[in-house]
């Protein structure tokens, strides 16, 4: 029996070596949790058996994972996530459902459909939230795949352009400039001699395409003995197309705008690059004037905009995922679903720092980060393996010595058996 007793010890030491080797091999695996082997002695027991008999070796009771906290490694990616405390991220293997798995590996990224996935393509799960970020449904059945939109809202075509300008009272008349002394005066937007000033902004069509809009201002009449007022023309170009006819601006002797006395509506026009016609209203307002001062653009706004482009994704400590867009809007995409178990050591290992539910683990308790004993989320960090390499190397030496000792015991039993055989033959 000593052969089998020592053989069980050899097998146990070999299993211990394998477990320690796996710990050492995964010291660089994100979210990895080390394991330890647990052994029990084998002892034959019966009601009338004396207690003074030797045992029959050892057996493997189980390989238990230790879910202690690993250290954090910082990164510059907002979708690199770490859990400080208890809990697991929840993932699903398919966009429409699939198998549920739990992980501490927070290295997530976007796939081609902009879903947040782990390195194996499993979909990160979130709980739905309202506009204020409060969870609206809980439990594993309420989770959904986290998807980051590329845009926010719908584009709005420009309909109204508002501006206010101060024109200088001493501006000259381009038609009297030396450049036109021998030729008929004609406006040409590519010829700065043919106008006084210009201002530019951006307008948008119905699909959000940005188009340059420029106003060119030309003084057409200055005060004289017969007329104390002054007039200007404003020509509106969108892209390379002039919109409508020039707008006449009239000022009285005090520099007050007398015409137009309201918004100017231009006919619908579809400049190059626009997907639909634009109907623009130009309003100089009441602040536009003429004064003894330099040309000044005091305001120039328009009411169109493109759909917001994704600027940033942030994850709060409570797991709230928020997307920020170029148009200044934000969108709350959900709160990371966090799970905990009555017996985490009972989870089934799936590889890649992922685990599955078993009867020993119990059902998952799904909630928000920072509540019900669940840890908080740290964005821009990854949890390292909780393996202490020094401790593992010491354990490796110990397992090696155990293996050698059991091998020596087998060798000793073999020598004793050989001696007994030799005695019988003598």
Protein backbone atom coordinates (compact mmCIF):
# COMPACT_ATOMS: atom_id res chain seq x y z
CA UNK A 1 0.00 0.00 0.00
CA UNK A 2 2.94 2.35 0.54
CA UNK A 3 3.38 2.54 -3.24
CA UNK A 4 -0.16 3.85 -3.70
CA UNK A 5 0.12 6.17 -0.71
CA UNK A 6 3.25 7.79 -2.13
CA UNK A 7 1.76 7.75 -5.64
CA UNK A 8 -1.18 9.82 -4.38
CA UNK A 9 1.35 12.21 -2.90
CA UNK A 10 3.16 12.40 -6.26
CA UNK A 11 -0.07 13.16 -8.08
CA UNK A 12 -0.97 15.80 -5.50
CA UNK A 13 2.43 17.48 -5.78
CA UNK A 14 2.16 17.39 -9.57
CA UNK A 15 -1.27 19.05 -9.43
CA UNK A 16 0.11 21.63 -7.03
CA UNK A 17 2.99 22.30 -9.43
CA UNK A 18 0.56 22.69 -12.31
CA UNK A 19 -1.61 25.16 -10.37
CA UNK A 20 1.36 27.26 -9.29
CA UNK A 21 2.79 27.20 -12.81
CA UNK A 22 -0.54 28.47 -14.16
CA UNK A 23 -0.45 31.32 -11.63
CA UNK A 24 3.06 32.28 -12.70
CA UNK A 25 2.23 31.99 -16.39
CA UNK A 26 -0.70 34.41 -16.00
CA UNK A 27 1.05 37.06 -13.94
CA UNK A 28 0.58 39.45 -16.89
CA UNK A 29 -3.06 38.52 -17.64
CA UNK A 30 -5.50 41.37 -16.98
CA UNK A 31 -8.05 40.53 -14.31
CA UNK A 32 -6.57 37.06 -13.62
CA UNK A 33 -7.25 35.51 -10.22
CA UNK A 34 -4.75 33.06 -8.78
CA UNK A 35 -5.71 29.57 -7.64
CA UNK A 36 -4.61 27.29 -4.84
CA UNK A 37 -4.89 23.53 -4.48
CA UNK A 38 -6.64 22.03 -1.47
CA UNK A 39 -5.92 18.45 -0.38
CA UNK A 40 -7.44 16.04 2.11
CA UNK A 41 -6.10 12.83 3.61
CA UNK A 42 -7.54 9.41 2.71
CA UNK A 43 -8.41 7.35 5.73
CA UNK A 44 -10.40 4.11 5.90
CA UNK A 45 -12.87 4.27 8.76
CA UNK A 46 -15.32 1.67 10.12
CA UNK A 47 -17.25 1.31 13.41
CA UNK A 48 -14.83 -1.27 14.88
CA UNK A 49 -11.61 0.07 13.40
CA UNK A 50 -8.77 1.05 15.64
CA UNK A 51 -7.59 4.62 15.39
CA UNK A 52 -3.95 3.56 15.36
CA UNK A 53 -3.65 2.70 11.66
CA UNK A 54 -1.89 4.70 8.96
CA UNK A 55 -3.72 6.71 6.35
CA UNK A 56 -3.87 5.75 2.69
CA UNK A 57 -2.54 8.91 1.08
CA UNK A 58 -3.97 12.21 -0.11
CA UNK A 59 -6.63 13.34 -2.53
CA UNK A 60 -7.37 16.56 -4.35
CA UNK A 61 -10.37 18.23 -2.74
CA UNK A 62 -10.45 21.09 -5.21
CA UNK A 63 -8.68 23.98 -6.90
CA UNK A 64 -9.99 27.20 -5.42
CA UNK A 65 -9.63 30.63 -6.95
CA UNK A 66 -8.78 33.59 -4.73
CA UNK A 67 -10.68 36.72 -5.76
CA UNK A 68 -8.50 39.20 -3.93
CA UNK A 69 -7.99 42.66 -5.40
CA UNK A 70 -5.19 43.04 -7.93
CA UNK A 71 -3.16 46.20 -8.44
CA UNK A 72 -4.18 48.88 -10.96
CA UNK A 73 -2.30 49.81 -14.11
CA UNK A 74 -3.28 53.23 -15.47
CA UNK A 75 -3.97 53.87 -19.14
CA UNK A 76 -5.21 56.75 -21.31
CA UNK A 77 -8.31 54.92 -22.62
CA UNK A 78 -11.70 55.71 -21.10
CA UNK A 79 -12.93 52.19 -21.96
CA UNK A 80 -10.15 50.59 -19.91
CA UNK A 81 -12.08 49.87 -16.72
CA UNK A 82 -11.16 48.45 -13.34
CA UNK A 83 -13.32 47.51 -10.36
CA UNK A 84 -12.16 48.70 -6.96
CA UNK A 85 -13.83 46.23 -4.63
CA UNK A 86 -16.14 43.30 -5.21
CA UNK A 87 -18.09 42.52 -8.33
CA UNK A 88 -17.80 41.48 -11.95
CA UNK A 89 -18.57 43.06 -15.30
CA UNK A 90 -21.41 41.29 -17.14
CA UNK A 91 -20.99 40.24 -20.78
CA UNK A 92 -23.04 38.34 -23.34
CA UNK A 93 -21.69 36.30 -26.21
CA UNK A 94 -24.21 37.50 -28.81
CA UNK A 95 -25.75 40.83 -29.81
CA UNK A 96 -29.25 39.37 -29.42
CA UNK A 97 -28.65 37.53 -26.15
CA UNK A 98 -26.29 34.60 -25.92
CA UNK A 99 -24.45 33.11 -22.97
CA UNK A 100 -23.77 35.29 -19.96
CA UNK A 101 -20.26 35.51 -18.54
CA UNK A 102 -18.66 37.54 -15.77
CA UNK A 103 -15.24 39.09 -15.86
CA UNK A 104 -12.78 41.36 -14.07
CA UNK A 105 -10.92 42.03 -17.32
CA UNK A 106 -11.91 45.59 -18.15
CA UNK A 107 -10.03 46.02 -21.44
CA UNK A 108 -12.98 46.98 -23.64
CA UNK A 109 -13.21 48.52 -27.11
CA UNK A 110 -15.64 49.18 -29.95
CA UNK A 111 -16.55 46.75 -32.72
CA UNK A 112 -17.63 47.67 -36.27
CA UNK A 113 -21.22 48.36 -35.10
CA UNK A 114 -19.91 50.55 -32.24
CA UNK A 115 -20.86 48.05 -29.55
CA UNK A 116 -18.52 47.91 -26.54
CA UNK A 117 -16.93 44.46 -26.48
CA UNK A 118 -14.10 42.63 -24.75
CA UNK A 119 -11.16 41.03 -26.51
CA UNK A 120 -13.24 37.95 -27.39
CA UNK A 121 -16.10 39.94 -28.91
CA UNK A 122 -18.46 39.53 -25.95
CA UNK A 123 -20.84 42.45 -25.41
CA UNK A 124 -20.56 44.57 -22.27
CA UNK A 125 -23.89 44.87 -20.47
CA UNK A 126 -25.46 47.99 -18.95
CA UNK A 127 -28.65 48.77 -17.07
CA UNK A 128 -31.05 51.27 -18.71
CA UNK A 129 -31.17 54.81 -17.30
CA UNK A 130 -33.34 57.89 -17.72
CA UNK A 131 -32.18 61.37 -18.77
CA UNK A 132 -30.93 62.10 -15.25
CA UNK A 133 -28.83 58.92 -15.07
CA UNK A 134 -31.09 56.99 -12.69
CA UNK A 135 -31.51 53.26 -13.35
CA UNK A 136 -34.99 52.43 -14.61
CA UNK A 137 -34.82 48.61 -14.44
CA UNK A 138 -32.65 46.15 -12.55
CA UNK A 139 -31.77 42.50 -12.72
CA UNK A 140 -29.97 40.38 -15.28
CA UNK A 141 -33.00 40.30 -17.60
CA UNK A 142 -32.98 44.13 -17.81
CA UNK A 143 -29.41 44.41 -19.09
CA UNK A 144 -28.65 45.37 -22.68
CA UNK A 145 -25.62 45.72 -24.91
CA UNK A 146 -23.72 49.00 -24.57
CA UNK A 147 -23.55 50.80 -27.92
CA UNK A 148 -21.84 54.16 -28.45
CA UNK A 149 -23.59 56.31 -31.09
CA UNK A 150 -21.45 58.17 -33.62
CA UNK A 151 -23.81 61.15 -33.77
CA UNK A 152 -26.41 62.82 -31.60
CA UNK A 153 -29.70 64.32 -32.72
CA UNK A 154 -30.74 65.34 -36.22
CA UNK A 155 -29.33 68.12 -38.37
CA UNK A 156 -31.32 71.34 -38.78
CA UNK A 157 -31.15 73.45 -41.91
CA UNK A 158 -30.35 77.12 -41.47
CA UNK A 159 -33.45 79.26 -41.80
CA UNK A 160 -32.53 82.50 -40.07
CA UNK A 161 -29.31 84.49 -40.05
CA UNK A 162 -28.98 87.32 -37.51
CA UNK A 163 -26.24 89.91 -37.52
CA UNK A 164 -25.47 93.43 -36.41
CA UNK A 165 -22.80 95.59 -38.01
CA UNK A 166 -21.38 99.06 -37.49
CA UNK A 167 -20.46 100.70 -40.80
CA UNK A 168 -17.90 103.54 -40.86
CA UNK A 169 -19.41 106.89 -41.84
CA UNK A 170 -16.27 107.88 -43.77
CA UNK A 171 -16.12 104.77 -46.00
CA UNK A 172 -15.48 105.55 -49.67
CA UNK A 173 -17.47 104.51 -52.71
CA UNK A 174 -15.85 101.59 -54.57
CA UNK A 175 -17.38 102.87 -57.82
CA UNK A 176 -15.21 106.01 -57.45
CA UNK A 177 -11.98 104.20 -56.81
CA UNK A 178 -9.04 104.58 -59.19
CA UNK A 179 -9.42 100.94 -60.24
CA UNK A 180 -12.63 101.88 -62.06
CA UNK A 181 -11.61 105.29 -63.43
CA UNK A 182 -11.50 104.07 -67.03
CA UNK A 183 -13.89 101.08 -66.87
CA UNK A 184 -17.52 100.62 -65.84
CA UNK A 185 -17.90 99.68 -62.19
CA UNK A 186 -18.99 96.07 -61.57
CA UNK A 187 -19.11 94.03 -58.35
CA UNK A 188 -16.76 91.05 -58.31
CA UNK A 189 -16.38 89.08 -55.07
CA UNK A 190 -12.87 88.09 -56.14
CA UNK A 191 -11.90 91.76 -56.50
CA UNK A 192 -11.55 93.55 -53.13
CA UNK A 193 -11.63 96.89 -54.97
CA UNK A 194 -15.27 96.29 -55.88
CA UNK A 195 -16.64 96.21 -52.32
CA UNK A 196 -15.81 97.67 -48.92
CA UNK A 197 -16.06 94.83 -46.40
CA UNK A 198 -17.13 91.23 -46.01
CA UNK A 199 -18.20 88.90 -43.20
CA UNK A 200 -18.51 85.10 -43.23
CA UNK A 201 -20.22 82.33 -41.31
CA UNK A 202 -21.29 78.73 -41.86
CA UNK A 203 -24.81 77.60 -42.71
CA UNK A 204 -26.20 74.06 -42.87
CA UNK A 205 -28.53 72.19 -45.18
CA UNK A 206 -31.16 69.67 -44.09
CA UNK A 207 -28.64 66.82 -43.77
CA UNK A 208 -26.11 68.85 -41.82
CA UNK A 209 -23.69 69.66 -44.62
CA UNK A 210 -21.73 72.78 -43.70
CA UNK A 211 -21.68 75.49 -46.36
CA UNK A 212 -19.74 78.78 -46.27
CA UNK A 213 -21.92 81.91 -46.31
CA UNK A 214 -20.38 85.32 -47.03
CA UNK A 215 -21.89 88.81 -47.03
CA UNK A 216 -20.19 91.49 -49.12
CA UNK A 217 -20.92 95.13 -48.25
CA UNK A 218 -20.62 97.91 -50.85
CA UNK A 219 -21.29 101.56 -50.13
CA UNK A 220 -23.46 102.99 -52.90
CA UNK A 221 -24.21 106.54 -51.68
CA UNK A 222 -22.60 108.94 -49.21
CA UNK A 223 -24.16 112.07 -47.66
CA UNK A 224 -24.16 115.13 -49.89
CA UNK A 225 -25.84 118.52 -50.06
CA UNK A 226 -29.05 117.01 -51.32
CA UNK A 227 -29.21 113.89 -49.16
CA UNK A 228 -27.96 113.57 -45.59
CA UNK A 229 -28.48 109.81 -45.59
CA UNK A 230 -26.27 106.97 -46.75
CA UNK A 231 -26.88 103.65 -48.51
CA UNK A 232 -25.10 100.29 -48.70
CA UNK A 233 -25.70 97.06 -50.57
CA UNK A 234 -25.30 93.62 -48.97
CA UNK A 235 -24.82 90.64 -51.27
CA UNK A 236 -25.25 87.15 -49.80
CA UNK A 237 -23.28 84.22 -51.25
CA UNK A 238 -23.64 80.61 -50.12
CA UNK A 239 -20.74 78.66 -51.49
CA UNK A 240 -20.16 80.06 -54.97
CA UNK A 241 -23.82 80.99 -55.57
CA UNK A 242 -25.34 84.42 -54.94
CA UNK A 243 -28.65 84.19 -53.12
CA UNK A 244 -31.36 86.47 -54.42
CA UNK A 245 -30.66 90.15 -55.20
CA UNK A 246 -28.60 92.65 -53.20
CA UNK A 247 -30.21 93.97 -50.03
CA UNK A 248 -30.35 97.77 -49.74
CA UNK A 249 -29.40 99.21 -46.33
CA UNK A 250 -30.33 102.87 -45.74
CA UNK A 251 -29.11 105.03 -42.85
CA UNK A 252 -30.33 108.46 -41.82
CA UNK A 253 -28.14 111.44 -40.94
CA UNK A 254 -27.75 110.06 -37.38
CA UNK A 255 -26.56 106.65 -38.61
CA UNK A 256 -29.77 104.83 -37.71
CA UNK A 257 -30.84 101.96 -39.96
CA UNK A 258 -34.09 102.90 -41.71
CA UNK A 259 -34.24 100.12 -44.31
CA UNK A 260 -34.82 97.21 -44.17
CA UNK A 261 -37.12 97.45 -41.18
CA UNK A 262 -37.39 93.68 -40.70
CA UNK A 263 -35.99 90.34 -41.85
CA UNK A 264 -35.21 89.95 -45.53
CA UNK A 265 -36.48 86.68 -47.03
CA UNK A 266 -34.46 85.26 -49.90
CA UNK A 267 -35.86 82.87 -52.51
CA UNK A 268 -35.07 79.19 -52.09
CA UNK A 269 -31.70 78.31 -53.54
CA UNK A 270 -29.69 75.12 -53.71
CA UNK A 271 -25.97 75.90 -53.89
CA UNK A 272 -23.38 73.36 -54.92
CA UNK A 273 -22.86 70.78 -52.18
CA UNK A 274 -26.32 71.18 -50.63
CA UNK A 275 -28.69 68.21 -50.63
CA UNK A 276 -31.84 70.37 -50.55
CA UNK A 277 -32.77 74.01 -51.21
CA UNK A 278 -32.17 76.60 -48.50
CA UNK A 279 -34.68 79.31 -47.64
CA UNK A 280 -32.86 82.00 -45.69
CA UNK A 281 -34.08 85.02 -43.73
CA UNK A 282 -31.48 87.71 -43.11
CA UNK A 283 -32.12 90.03 -40.15
CA UNK A 284 -29.84 93.03 -39.49
CA UNK A 285 -31.77 93.79 -36.32
CA UNK A 286 -31.87 97.17 -34.57
CA UNK A 287 -28.21 97.28 -33.51
CA UNK A 288 -26.88 97.76 -37.05
CA UNK A 289 -25.80 101.36 -37.50
CA UNK A 290 -23.41 103.75 -39.19
CA UNK A 291 -20.98 105.71 -37.05
CA UNK A 292 -17.63 107.48 -36.98
CA UNK A 293 -15.83 104.28 -36.09
CA UNK A 294 -14.13 101.35 -37.83
CA UNK A 295 -16.15 98.59 -39.46
CA UNK A 296 -17.25 96.29 -36.65
CA UNK A 297 -19.11 92.98 -36.75
CA UNK A 298 -20.96 92.88 -33.45
CA UNK A 299 -22.95 89.66 -33.93
CA UNK A 300 -23.35 87.00 -36.59
CA UNK A 301 -25.45 83.94 -35.74
CA UNK A 302 -27.55 81.37 -37.57
CA UNK A 303 -29.98 78.71 -36.36
CA UNK A 304 -28.77 75.67 -38.31
CA UNK A 305 -26.55 72.88 -37.06
CA UNK A 306 -25.21 69.50 -38.02
CA UNK A 307 -25.80 66.34 -36.03
CA UNK A 308 -23.32 66.19 -33.17
CA UNK A 309 -20.25 64.04 -33.73
CA UNK A 310 -18.92 61.91 -30.88
CA UNK A 311 -16.24 63.77 -28.94
CA UNK A 312 -15.76 61.74 -25.80
CA UNK A 313 -17.01 58.78 -23.76
CA UNK A 314 -16.65 58.91 -19.99
CA UNK A 315 -17.42 56.35 -17.29
CA UNK A 316 -18.14 57.56 -13.77
CA UNK A 317 -17.34 55.79 -10.52
CA UNK A 318 -20.97 54.66 -10.33
CA UNK A 319 -20.65 53.07 -13.79
CA UNK A 320 -22.69 55.74 -15.61
CA UNK A 321 -21.53 55.88 -19.25
CA UNK A 322 -21.91 59.33 -20.82
CA UNK A 323 -21.21 60.31 -24.43
CA UNK A 324 -20.36 63.93 -25.30
CA UNK A 325 -20.89 65.29 -28.81
CA UNK A 326 -19.48 68.16 -30.85
CA UNK A 327 -22.75 70.12 -30.75
CA UNK A 328 -22.48 70.38 -26.97
CA UNK A 329 -25.05 67.71 -26.16
CA UNK A 330 -24.50 64.75 -23.87
CA UNK A 331 -26.24 61.41 -23.82
CA UNK A 332 -26.39 58.96 -20.92
CA UNK A 333 -25.97 55.49 -22.39
CA UNK A 334 -26.56 53.36 -19.31
CA UNK A 335 -24.94 52.19 -16.10
CA UNK A 336 -22.54 49.28 -16.12
CA UNK A 337 -24.23 46.15 -14.81
CA UNK A 338 -22.26 44.75 -11.88
CA UNK A 339 -22.72 41.27 -10.48
CA UNK A 340 -21.73 39.56 -7.27
CA UNK A 341 -22.20 36.02 -5.95
CA UNK A 342 -22.73 34.36 -2.61
CA UNK A 343 -19.82 32.02 -3.41
CA UNK A 344 -17.52 33.44 -6.13
CA UNK A 345 -15.15 30.48 -5.69
CA UNK A 346 -17.90 28.25 -7.05
CA UNK A 347 -17.85 29.96 -10.46
CA UNK A 348 -16.74 27.94 -13.46
CA UNK A 349 -13.65 29.23 -15.23
CA UNK A 350 -14.18 29.98 -18.93
CA UNK A 351 -10.72 31.34 -19.73
CA UNK A 352 -9.59 34.89 -20.49
CA UNK A 353 -10.44 35.93 -16.92
CA UNK A 354 -14.12 35.05 -17.47
CA UNK A 355 -16.39 32.92 -15.31
CA UNK A 356 -19.77 31.24 -15.66
CA UNK A 357 -22.55 30.45 -13.20
CA UNK A 358 -22.72 27.07 -11.47
CA UNK A 359 -24.92 25.58 -8.79
CA UNK A 360 -22.15 26.18 -6.25
CA UNK A 361 -21.78 29.88 -7.06
CA UNK A 362 -25.43 30.77 -6.63
CA UNK A 363 -27.42 33.14 -8.81
CA UNK A 364 -25.85 36.51 -9.64
CA UNK A 365 -26.99 39.59 -7.77
CA UNK A 366 -26.97 42.37 -10.39
CA UNK A 367 -26.87 46.03 -9.43
CA UNK A 368 -25.05 49.34 -9.79
CA UNK A 369 -21.44 50.04 -8.95
CA UNK A 370 -21.02 51.49 -5.48
CA UNK A 371 -24.21 49.95 -4.09
CA UNK A 372 -25.12 46.70 -2.35
CA UNK A 373 -21.49 45.91 -1.60
CA UNK A 374 -20.41 46.24 -5.22
CA UNK A 375 -17.16 48.02 -6.01
CA UNK A 376 -16.72 51.35 -7.77
CA UNK A 377 -15.47 51.82 -11.33
CA UNK A 378 -12.17 53.43 -12.19
CA UNK A 379 -11.93 54.53 -15.82
CA UNK A 380 -8.51 54.65 -17.46
CA UNK A 381 -7.16 51.73 -15.45
CA UNK A 382 -6.85 47.95 -15.69
CA UNK A 383 -6.71 45.46 -12.85
CA UNK A 384 -3.55 43.37 -12.86
CA UNK A 385 -3.39 39.72 -11.84
CA UNK A 386 -3.44 39.23 -8.06
CA UNK A 387 -0.40 36.97 -8.29
CA UNK A 388 2.55 37.64 -5.97
CA UNK A 389 5.41 36.24 -7.99
CA UNK A 390 7.71 35.89 -4.97
CA UNK A 391 5.10 33.93 -3.04
CA UNK A 392 4.46 31.69 -6.04
CA UNK A 393 8.15 30.90 -6.52
CA UNK A 394 8.46 29.89 -2.87
CA UNK A 395 5.38 27.68 -3.24
CA UNK A 396 6.90 26.22 -6.40
CA UNK A 397 10.00 25.17 -4.49
CA UNK A 398 7.84 23.65 -1.76
CA UNK A 399 5.77 21.67 -4.29
CA UNK A 400 8.99 20.45 -5.92
CA UNK A 401 10.31 19.24 -2.55
CA UNK A 402 7.01 17.46 -1.86
CA UNK A 403 7.27 15.73 -5.22
CA UNK A 404 10.85 14.68 -4.51
CA UNK A 405 9.95 13.40 -1.03
CA UNK A 406 7.11 11.24 -2.35
CA UNK A 407 9.33 9.95 -5.14
CA UNK A 408 11.94 9.07 -2.49
CA UNK A 409 9.29 7.24 -0.46
CA UNK A 410 8.38 5.16 -3.52
CA UNK A 411 12.05 4.42 -4.09
CA UNK A 412 12.46 3.36 -0.44
CA UNK A 413 9.38 1.10 -0.62
CA UNK A 414 10.78 -0.42 -3.79
CA UNK A 415 14.11 -1.15 -2.10
CA UNK A 416 12.34 -2.78 0.85
CA UNK A 417 10.25 -4.89 -1.48
CA UNK A 418 13.39 -5.94 -3.35
CA UNK A 419 15.04 -6.95 -0.11
CA UNK A 420 12.03 -9.05 0.85
CA UNK A 421 12.08 -10.75 -2.56
CA UNK A 422 15.76 -11.48 -2.19
CA UNK A 423 15.21 -12.98 1.27
CA UNK A 424 12.61 -15.36 -0.13
CA UNK A 425 14.96 -16.48 -2.86
CA UNK A 426 17.92 -17.12 -0.50
